[in-house]
Amino acid sequence: MATPGTSTASTGAGDKIGVPECDDFIAKYEACVSGKVPEMARAQYQSAVKQWKESWKKLAENPQTKGSLTAACKQAAEQQAAALKSFGCTF
């Protein structure tokens, strides 16, 4: 439930990873998938972002692994930029 005056976007504060590169990538990825990927192909992309969020949140909670997330998210953004280019998405 959203409180009045807060965003109800799918990447709400509770969904944030806490690493700017990751949060930025996820926001752009979700916007691309929901806005440009045909509905029949959308489920596989939504599944991927759900897995990233779960995995990256766990890594971000651990001070020993949080530092590796910047590079991991940048790499994911580069890979997905190429994979989703055919849909007209840019990261």
PDB file of N, CA and C in Angstrom:
ATOM      1  N   MET A   1       0.827  -1.170   0.000  1.00  0.00           N
ATOM      2  CA  MET A   1       0.000   0.000   0.000  1.00  0.00           C
ATOM      3  C   MET A   1       0.879   1.243   0.000  1.00  0.00           C
ATOM      4  N   ALA A   2       0.584   2.123  -0.912  1.00  0.00           N
ATOM      5  CA  ALA A   2       1.342   3.365  -0.993  1.00  0.00           C
ATOM      6  C   ALA A   2       0.693   4.406  -0.084  1.00  0.00           C
ATOM      7  N   THR A   3       1.523   5.160   0.554  1.00  0.00           N
ATOM      8  CA  THR A   3       0.996   6.253   1.367  1.00  0.00           C
ATOM      9  C   THR A   3       0.782   7.454   0.469  1.00  0.00           C
ATOM     10  N   PRO A   4      -0.154   8.312   0.805  1.00  0.00           N
ATOM     11  CA  PRO A   4      -0.405   9.480  -0.047  1.00  0.00           C
ATOM     12  C   PRO A   4       0.860  10.289  -0.269  1.00  0.00           C
ATOM     13  N   GLY A   5       1.039  10.703  -1.515  1.00  0.00           N
ATOM     14  CA  GLY A   5       2.191  11.532  -1.844  1.00  0.00           C
ATOM     15  C   GLY A   5       3.447  10.751  -2.189  1.00  0.00           C
ATOM     16  N   THR A   6       3.378   9.420  -2.160  1.00  0.00           N
ATOM     17  CA  THR A   6       4.555   8.640  -2.525  1.00  0.00           C
ATOM     18  C   THR A   6       4.338   8.011  -3.892  1.00  0.00           C
ATOM     19  N   SER A   7       5.415   7.656  -4.520  1.00  0.00           N
ATOM     20  CA  SER A   7       5.348   7.048  -5.841  1.00  0.00           C
ATOM     21  C   SER A   7       4.878   5.607  -5.726  1.00  0.00           C
ATOM     22  N   THR A   8       4.075   5.199  -6.689  1.00  0.00           N
ATOM     23  CA  THR A   8       3.646   3.810  -6.718  1.00  0.00           C
ATOM     24  C   THR A   8       4.342   3.067  -7.852  1.00  0.00           C
ATOM     25  N   ALA A   9       5.433   3.610  -8.343  1.00  0.00           N
ATOM     26  CA  ALA A   9       6.186   2.962  -9.412  1.00  0.00           C
ATOM     27  C   ALA A   9       6.720   1.627  -8.922  1.00  0.00           C
ATOM     28  N   SER A  10       6.990   0.743  -9.873  1.00  0.00           N
ATOM     29  CA  SER A  10       7.418  -0.601  -9.492  1.00  0.00           C
ATOM     30  C   SER A  10       8.763  -0.606  -8.772  1.00  0.00           C
ATOM     31  N   THR A  11       9.571   0.408  -8.954  1.00  0.00           N
ATOM     32  CA  THR A  11      10.838   0.486  -8.238  1.00  0.00           C
ATOM     33  C   THR A  11      10.680   1.498  -7.118  1.00  0.00           C
ATOM     34  N   GLY A  12       9.914   1.135  -6.122  1.00  0.00           N
ATOM     35  CA  GLY A  12       9.704   1.993  -4.962  1.00  0.00           C
ATOM     36  C   GLY A  12      10.893   1.913  -4.039  1.00  0.00           C
ATOM     37  N   ALA A  13      10.862   2.680  -2.982  1.00  0.00           N
ATOM     38  CA  ALA A  13      11.984   2.730  -2.050  1.00  0.00           C
ATOM     39  C   ALA A  13      12.309   1.347  -1.503  1.00  0.00           C
ATOM     40  N   GLY A  14      11.307   0.512  -1.298  1.00  0.00           N
ATOM     41  CA  GLY A  14      11.533  -0.824  -0.778  1.00  0.00           C
ATOM     42  C   GLY A  14      12.230  -1.734  -1.772  1.00  0.00           C
ATOM     43  N   ASP A  15      12.181  -1.376  -3.054  1.00  0.00           N
ATOM     44  CA  ASP A  15      12.813  -2.190  -4.086  1.00  0.00           C
ATOM     45  C   ASP A  15      14.236  -1.751  -4.395  1.00  0.00           C
ATOM     46  N   LYS A  16      14.674  -0.672  -3.793  1.00  0.00           N
ATOM     47  CA  LYS A  16      16.009  -0.150  -4.095  1.00  0.00           C
ATOM     48  C   LYS A  16      17.082  -1.101  -3.570  1.00  0.00           C
ATOM     49  N   ILE A  17      18.139  -1.214  -4.360  1.00  0.00           N
ATOM     50  CA  ILE A  17      19.279  -2.040  -3.978  1.00  0.00           C
ATOM     51  C   ILE A  17      20.166  -1.261  -3.017  1.00  0.00           C
ATOM     52  N   GLY A  18      20.268   0.038  -3.236  1.00  0.00           N
ATOM     53  CA  GLY A  18      21.130   0.870  -2.407  1.00  0.00           C
ATOM     54  C   GLY A  18      22.466   1.159  -3.063  1.00  0.00           C
ATOM     55  N   VAL A  19      22.616   0.714  -4.307  1.00  0.00           N
ATOM     56  CA  VAL A  19      23.807   1.000  -5.105  1.00  0.00           C
ATOM     57  C   VAL A  19      23.300   1.745  -6.335  1.00  0.00           C
ATOM     58  N   PRO A  20      23.695   3.012  -6.510  1.00  0.00           N
ATOM     59  CA  PRO A  20      23.129   3.828  -7.594  1.00  0.00           C
ATOM     60  C   PRO A  20      23.169   3.170  -8.969  1.00  0.00           C
ATOM     61  N   GLU A  21      24.276   2.519  -9.305  1.00  0.00           N
ATOM     62  CA  GLU A  21      24.387   1.884 -10.617  1.00  0.00           C
ATOM     63  C   GLU A  21      23.333   0.788 -10.792  1.00  0.00           C
ATOM     64  N   CYS A  22      23.052   0.073  -9.727  1.00  0.00           N
ATOM     65  CA  CYS A  22      22.059  -1.007  -9.789  1.00  0.00           C
ATOM     66  C   CYS A  22      20.648  -0.438  -9.860  1.00  0.00           C
ATOM     67  N   ASP A  23      20.368   0.532  -9.015  1.00  0.00           N
ATOM     68  CA  ASP A  23      19.034   1.123  -8.995  1.00  0.00           C
ATOM     69  C   ASP A  23      18.722   1.800 -10.333  1.00  0.00           C
ATOM     70  N   ASP A  24      19.699   2.478 -10.899  1.00  0.00           N
ATOM     71  CA  ASP A  24      19.523   3.142 -12.181  1.00  0.00           C
ATOM     72  C   ASP A  24      19.263   2.118 -13.285  1.00  0.00           C
ATOM     73  N   PHE A  25      20.064   1.067 -13.317  1.00  0.00           N
ATOM     74  CA  PHE A  25      19.895   0.022 -14.328  1.00  0.00           C
ATOM     75  C   PHE A  25      18.513  -0.626 -14.212  1.00  0.00           C
ATOM     76  N   ILE A  26      18.106  -0.983 -13.009  1.00  0.00           N
ATOM     77  CA  ILE A  26      16.812  -1.647 -12.827  1.00  0.00           C
ATOM     78  C   ILE A  26      15.672  -0.730 -13.270  1.00  0.00           C
ATOM     79  N   ALA A  27      15.739   0.530 -12.932  1.00  0.00           N
ATOM     80  CA  ALA A  27      14.689   1.472 -13.337  1.00  0.00           C
ATOM     81  C   ALA A  27      14.602   1.572 -14.860  1.00  0.00           C
ATOM     82  N   LYS A  28      15.740   1.680 -15.516  1.00  0.00           N
ATOM     83  CA  LYS A  28      15.758   1.779 -16.980  1.00  0.00           C
ATOM     84  C   LYS A  28      15.318   0.465 -17.623  1.00  0.00           C
ATOM     85  N   TYR A  29      15.753  -0.647 -17.061  1.00  0.00           N
ATOM     86  CA  TYR A  29      15.388  -1.963 -17.590  1.00  0.00           C
ATOM     87  C   TYR A  29      13.882  -2.172 -17.488  1.00  0.00           C
ATOM     88  N   GLU A  30      13.319  -1.870 -16.321  1.00  0.00           N
ATOM     89  CA  GLU A  30      11.874  -2.057 -16.134  1.00  0.00           C
ATOM     90  C   GLU A  30      11.078  -1.140 -17.061  1.00  0.00           C
ATOM     91  N   ALA A  31      11.533   0.092 -17.247  1.00  0.00           N
ATOM     92  CA  ALA A  31      10.847   1.009 -18.152  1.00  0.00           C
ATOM     93  C   ALA A  31      10.889   0.487 -19.581  1.00  0.00           C
ATOM     94  N   CYS A  32      12.023  -0.050 -19.981  1.00  0.00           N
ATOM     95  CA  CYS A  32      12.176  -0.614 -21.320  1.00  0.00           C
ATOM     96  C   CYS A  32      11.244  -1.806 -21.500  1.00  0.00           C
ATOM     97  N   VAL A  33      11.298  -2.732 -20.565  1.00  0.00           N
ATOM     98  CA  VAL A  33      10.508  -3.959 -20.678  1.00  0.00           C
ATOM     99  C   VAL A  33       9.014  -3.640 -20.691  1.00  0.00           C
ATOM    100  N   SER A  34       8.576  -2.793 -19.788  1.00  0.00           N
ATOM    101  CA  SER A  34       7.141  -2.517 -19.710  1.00  0.00           C
ATOM    102  C   SER A  34       6.656  -1.646 -20.863  1.00  0.00           C
ATOM    103  N   GLY A  35       7.550  -0.846 -21.445  1.00  0.00           N
ATOM    104  CA  GLY A  35       7.128   0.075 -22.483  1.00  0.00           C
ATOM    105  C   GLY A  35       7.437  -0.338 -23.910  1.00  0.00           C
ATOM    106  N   LYS A  36       8.435  -1.196 -24.101  1.00  0.00           N
ATOM    107  CA  LYS A  36       8.883  -1.476 -25.468  1.00  0.00           C
ATOM    108  C   LYS A  36       8.916  -2.950 -25.846  1.00  0.00           C
ATOM    109  N   VAL A  37       9.039  -3.835 -24.884  1.00  0.00           N
ATOM    110  CA  VAL A  37       9.091  -5.266 -25.194  1.00  0.00           C
ATOM    111  C   VAL A  37       7.659  -5.765 -25.411  1.00  0.00           C
ATOM    112  N   PRO A  38       7.406  -6.483 -26.497  1.00  0.00           N
ATOM    113  CA  PRO A  38       6.064  -7.016 -26.730  1.00  0.00           C
ATOM    114  C   PRO A  38       5.589  -7.869 -25.551  1.00  0.00           C
ATOM    115  N   GLU A  39       4.312  -7.783 -25.265  1.00  0.00           N
ATOM    116  CA  GLU A  39       3.773  -8.442 -24.077  1.00  0.00           C
ATOM    117  C   GLU A  39       4.071  -9.936 -24.037  1.00  0.00           C
ATOM    118  N   MET A  40       4.035 -10.610 -25.186  1.00  0.00           N
ATOM    119  CA  MET A  40       4.269 -12.055 -25.181  1.00  0.00           C
ATOM    120  C   MET A  40       5.713 -12.424 -24.824  1.00  0.00           C
ATOM    121  N   ALA A  41       6.637 -11.496 -24.937  1.00  0.00           N
ATOM    122  CA  ALA A  41       8.036 -11.760 -24.585  1.00  0.00           C
ATOM    123  C   ALA A  41       8.410 -11.160 -23.235  1.00  0.00           C
ATOM    124  N   ARG A  42       7.514 -10.400 -22.649  1.00  0.00           N
ATOM    125  CA  ARG A  42       7.820  -9.620 -21.452  1.00  0.00           C
ATOM    126  C   ARG A  42       8.121 -10.477 -20.224  1.00  0.00           C
ATOM    127  N   ALA A  43       7.453 -11.616 -20.054  1.00  0.00           N
ATOM    128  CA  ALA A  43       7.588 -12.418 -18.834  1.00  0.00           C
ATOM    129  C   ALA A  43       9.029 -12.831 -18.559  1.00  0.00           C
ATOM    130  N   GLN A  44       9.759 -13.232 -19.584  1.00  0.00           N
ATOM    131  CA  GLN A  44      11.141 -13.673 -19.360  1.00  0.00           C
ATOM    132  C   GLN A  44      12.015 -12.528 -18.865  1.00  0.00           C
ATOM    133  N   TYR A  45      11.761 -11.326 -19.357  1.00  0.00           N
ATOM    134  CA  TYR A  45      12.540 -10.168 -18.922  1.00  0.00           C
ATOM    135  C   TYR A  45      12.164  -9.755 -17.499  1.00  0.00           C
ATOM    136  N   GLN A  46      10.882  -9.854 -17.175  1.00  0.00           N
ATOM    137  CA  GLN A  46      10.439  -9.523 -15.824  1.00  0.00           C
ATOM    138  C   GLN A  46      10.982 -10.535 -14.819  1.00  0.00           C
ATOM    139  N   SER A  47      11.076 -11.785 -15.229  1.00  0.00           N
ATOM    140  CA  SER A  47      11.651 -12.813 -14.368  1.00  0.00           C
ATOM    141  C   SER A  47      13.122 -12.517 -14.091  1.00  0.00           C
ATOM    142  N   ALA A  48      13.838 -12.089 -15.113  1.00  0.00           N
ATOM    143  CA  ALA A  48      15.264 -11.780 -14.953  1.00  0.00           C
ATOM    144  C   ALA A  48      15.466 -10.638 -13.972  1.00  0.00           C
ATOM    145  N   VAL A  49      14.679  -9.571 -14.094  1.00  0.00           N
ATOM    146  CA  VAL A  49      14.862  -8.423 -13.203  1.00  0.00           C
ATOM    147  C   VAL A  49      14.496  -8.802 -11.773  1.00  0.00           C
ATOM    148  N   LYS A  50      13.520  -9.672 -11.602  1.00  0.00           N
ATOM    149  CA  LYS A  50      13.164 -10.127 -10.252  1.00  0.00           C
ATOM    150  C   LYS A  50      14.339 -10.872  -9.620  1.00  0.00           C
ATOM    151  N   GLN A  51      14.993 -11.720 -10.392  1.00  0.00           N
ATOM    152  CA  GLN A  51      16.158 -12.466  -9.884  1.00  0.00           C
ATOM    153  C   GLN A  51      17.306 -11.526  -9.553  1.00  0.00           C
ATOM    154  N   TRP A  52      17.554 -10.539 -10.408  1.00  0.00           N
ATOM    155  CA  TRP A  52      18.617  -9.568 -10.118  1.00  0.00           C
ATOM    156  C   TRP A  52      18.334  -8.853  -8.811  1.00  0.00           C
ATOM    157  N   LYS A  53      17.111  -8.384  -8.655  1.00  0.00           N
ATOM    158  CA  LYS A  53      16.762  -7.644  -7.438  1.00  0.00           C
ATOM    159  C   LYS A  53      17.016  -8.490  -6.191  1.00  0.00           C
ATOM    160  N   GLU A  54      16.548  -9.727  -6.210  1.00  0.00           N
ATOM    161  CA  GLU A  54      16.716 -10.594  -5.042  1.00  0.00           C
ATOM    162  C   GLU A  54      18.183 -10.842  -4.746  1.00  0.00           C
ATOM    163  N   SER A  55      18.930 -11.164  -5.783  1.00  0.00           N
ATOM    164  CA  SER A  55      20.357 -11.453  -5.623  1.00  0.00           C
ATOM    165  C   SER A  55      21.128 -10.213  -5.179  1.00  0.00           C
ATOM    166  N   TRP A  56      20.889  -9.100  -5.840  1.00  0.00           N
ATOM    167  CA  TRP A  56      21.634  -7.877  -5.538  1.00  0.00           C
ATOM    168  C   TRP A  56      21.285  -7.320  -4.173  1.00  0.00           C
ATOM    169  N   LYS A  57      20.045  -7.464  -3.744  1.00  0.00           N
ATOM    170  CA  LYS A  57      19.684  -6.999  -2.400  1.00  0.00           C
ATOM    171  C   LYS A  57      20.473  -7.765  -1.348  1.00  0.00           C
ATOM    172  N   LYS A  58      20.598  -9.080  -1.539  1.00  0.00           N
ATOM    173  CA  LYS A  58      21.368  -9.902  -0.593  1.00  0.00           C
ATOM    174  C   LYS A  58      22.828  -9.476  -0.580  1.00  0.00           C
ATOM    175  N   LEU A  59      23.373  -9.238  -1.754  1.00  0.00           N
ATOM    176  CA  LEU A  59      24.771  -8.804  -1.836  1.00  0.00           C
ATOM    177  C   LEU A  59      24.957  -7.424  -1.197  1.00  0.00           C
ATOM    178  N   ALA A  60      23.984  -6.538  -1.389  1.00  0.00           N
ATOM    179  CA  ALA A  60      24.077  -5.182  -0.845  1.00  0.00           C
ATOM    180  C   ALA A  60      23.984  -5.174   0.681  1.00  0.00           C
ATOM    181  N   GLU A  61      23.301  -6.157   1.253  1.00  0.00           N
ATOM    182  CA  GLU A  61      23.160  -6.231   2.706  1.00  0.00           C
ATOM    183  C   GLU A  61      24.452  -6.651   3.394  1.00  0.00           C
ATOM    184  N   ASN A  62      25.349  -7.267   2.652  1.00  0.00           N
ATOM    185  CA  ASN A  62      26.597  -7.762   3.213  1.00  0.00           C
ATOM    186  C   ASN A  62      27.732  -6.793   2.859  1.00  0.00           C
ATOM    187  N   PRO A  63      28.335  -6.152   3.863  1.00  0.00           N
ATOM    188  CA  PRO A  63      29.425  -5.207   3.580  1.00  0.00           C
ATOM    189  C   PRO A  63      30.588  -5.832   2.811  1.00  0.00           C
ATOM    190  N   GLN A  64      30.767  -7.147   2.948  1.00  0.00           N
ATOM    191  CA  GLN A  64      31.862  -7.829   2.252  1.00  0.00           C
ATOM    192  C   GLN A  64      31.615  -7.933   0.744  1.00  0.00           C
ATOM    193  N   THR A  65      30.350  -7.970   0.332  1.00  0.00           N
ATOM    194  CA  THR A  65      30.034  -8.153  -1.090  1.00  0.00           C
ATOM    195  C   THR A  65      29.435  -6.913  -1.749  1.00  0.00           C
ATOM    196  N   LYS A  66      29.027  -5.934  -0.966  1.00  0.00           N
ATOM    197  CA  LYS A  66      28.377  -4.752  -1.537  1.00  0.00           C
ATOM    198  C   LYS A  66      29.277  -4.036  -2.544  1.00  0.00           C
ATOM    199  N   GLY A  67      30.560  -4.006  -2.274  1.00  0.00           N
ATOM    200  CA  GLY A  67      31.492  -3.320  -3.162  1.00  0.00           C
ATOM    201  C   GLY A  67      31.565  -3.905  -4.558  1.00  0.00           C
ATOM    202  N   SER A  68      31.216  -5.175  -4.710  1.00  0.00           N
ATOM    203  CA  SER A  68      31.272  -5.813  -6.026  1.00  0.00           C
ATOM    204  C   SER A  68      30.062  -5.477  -6.889  1.00  0.00           C
ATOM    205  N   LEU A  69      29.037  -4.891  -6.293  1.00  0.00           N
ATOM    206  CA  LEU A  69      27.804  -4.644  -7.032  1.00  0.00           C
ATOM    207  C   LEU A  69      27.930  -3.583  -8.112  1.00  0.00           C
ATOM    208  N   THR A  70      28.715  -2.562  -7.885  1.00  0.00           N
ATOM    209  CA  THR A  70      28.853  -1.507  -8.893  1.00  0.00           C
ATOM    210  C   THR A  70      29.289  -2.108 -10.220  1.00  0.00           C
ATOM    211  N   ALA A  71      30.331  -2.912 -10.199  1.00  0.00           N
ATOM    212  CA  ALA A  71      30.827  -3.534 -11.432  1.00  0.00           C
ATOM    213  C   ALA A  71      29.817  -4.526 -11.998  1.00  0.00           C
ATOM    214  N   ALA A  72      29.175  -5.298 -11.141  1.00  0.00           N
ATOM    215  CA  ALA A  72      28.202  -6.291 -11.601  1.00  0.00           C
ATOM    216  C   ALA A  72      27.020  -5.616 -12.291  1.00  0.00           C
ATOM    217  N   CYS A  73      26.546  -4.526 -11.733  1.00  0.00           N
ATOM    218  CA  CYS A  73      25.400  -3.819 -12.315  1.00  0.00           C
ATOM    219  C   CYS A  73      25.777  -3.121 -13.610  1.00  0.00           C
ATOM    220  N   LYS A  74      26.974  -2.573 -13.666  1.00  0.00           N
ATOM    221  CA  LYS A  74      27.434  -1.950 -14.907  1.00  0.00           C
ATOM    222  C   LYS A  74      27.540  -3.006 -16.008  1.00  0.00           C
ATOM    223  N   GLN A  75      28.057  -4.171 -15.657  1.00  0.00           N
ATOM    224  CA  GLN A  75      28.187  -5.249 -16.635  1.00  0.00           C
ATOM    225  C   GLN A  75      26.808  -5.707 -17.109  1.00  0.00           C
ATOM    226  N   ALA A  76      25.867  -5.863 -16.190  1.00  0.00           N
ATOM    227  CA  ALA A  76      24.510  -6.261 -16.563  1.00  0.00           C
ATOM    228  C   ALA A  76      23.886  -5.220 -17.488  1.00  0.00           C
ATOM    229  N   ALA A  77      24.106  -3.943 -17.195  1.00  0.00           N
ATOM    230  CA  ALA A  77      23.556  -2.873 -18.030  1.00  0.00           C
ATOM    231  C   ALA A  77      24.129  -2.943 -19.444  1.00  0.00           C
ATOM    232  N   GLU A  78      25.431  -3.190 -19.552  1.00  0.00           N
ATOM    233  CA  GLU A  78      26.060  -3.288 -20.873  1.00  0.00           C
ATOM    234  C   GLU A  78      25.505  -4.474 -21.653  1.00  0.00           C
ATOM    235  N   GLN A  79      25.371  -5.610 -20.979  1.00  0.00           N
ATOM    236  CA  GLN A  79      24.852  -6.813 -21.639  1.00  0.00           C
ATOM    237  C   GLN A  79      23.403  -6.619 -22.076  1.00  0.00           C
ATOM    238  N   GLN A  80      22.594  -6.040 -21.213  1.00  0.00           N
ATOM    239  CA  GLN A  80      21.189  -5.867 -21.540  1.00  0.00           C
ATOM    240  C   GLN A  80      20.974  -4.763 -22.565  1.00  0.00           C
ATOM    241  N   ALA A  81      21.845  -3.774 -22.589  1.00  0.00           N
ATOM    242  CA  ALA A  81      21.746  -2.734 -23.616  1.00  0.00           C
ATOM    243  C   ALA A  81      21.869  -3.371 -24.995  1.00  0.00           C
ATOM    244  N   ALA A  82      22.795  -4.317 -25.119  1.00  0.00           N
ATOM    245  CA  ALA A  82      22.960  -5.020 -26.392  1.00  0.00           C
ATOM    246  C   ALA A  82      21.774  -5.948 -26.662  1.00  0.00           C
ATOM    247  N   ALA A  83      21.337  -6.652 -25.633  1.00  0.00           N
ATOM    248  CA  ALA A  83      20.244  -7.617 -25.802  1.00  0.00           C
ATOM    249  C   ALA A  83      18.913  -6.939 -26.129  1.00  0.00           C
ATOM    250  N   LEU A  84      18.696  -5.749 -25.580  1.00  0.00           N
ATOM    251  CA  LEU A  84      17.409  -5.075 -25.757  1.00  0.00           C
ATOM    252  C   LEU A  84      17.434  -3.966 -26.812  1.00  0.00           C
ATOM    253  N   LYS A  85      18.579  -3.821 -27.471  1.00  0.00           N
ATOM    254  CA  LYS A  85      18.714  -2.779 -28.491  1.00  0.00           C
ATOM    255  C   LYS A  85      17.665  -2.947 -29.581  1.00  0.00           C
ATOM    256  N   SER A  86      17.330  -4.166 -29.930  1.00  0.00           N
ATOM    257  CA  SER A  86      16.362  -4.411 -31.008  1.00  0.00           C
ATOM    258  C   SER A  86      14.974  -3.879 -30.651  1.00  0.00           C
ATOM    259  N   PHE A  87      14.704  -3.671 -29.356  1.00  0.00           N
ATOM    260  CA  PHE A  87      13.421  -3.125 -28.934  1.00  0.00           C
ATOM    261  C   PHE A  87      13.455  -1.602 -28.853  1.00  0.00           C
ATOM    262  N   GLY A  88      14.621  -1.018 -29.139  1.00  0.00           N
ATOM    263  CA  GLY A  88      14.748   0.437 -29.092  1.00  0.00           C
ATOM    264  C   GLY A  88      15.056   0.982 -27.708  1.00  0.00           C
ATOM    265  N   CYS A  89      15.572   0.130 -26.841  1.00  0.00           N
ATOM    266  CA  CYS A  89      15.903   0.554 -25.481  1.00  0.00           C
ATOM    267  C   CYS A  89      17.336   1.047 -25.414  1.00  0.00           C
ATOM    268  N   THR A  90      17.555   2.032 -24.571  1.00  0.00           N
ATOM    269  CA  THR A  90      18.925   2.516 -24.334  1.00  0.00           C
ATOM    270  C   THR A  90      19.159   2.574 -22.840  1.00  0.00           C
ATOM    271  N   PHE A  91      20.386   2.292 -22.462  1.00  0.00           N
ATOM    272  CA  PHE A  91      20.744   2.308 -21.024  1.00  0.00           C
ATOM    273  C   PHE A  91      21.862   3.295 -20.806  1.00  0.00           C
TER     274      PHE A  91
END
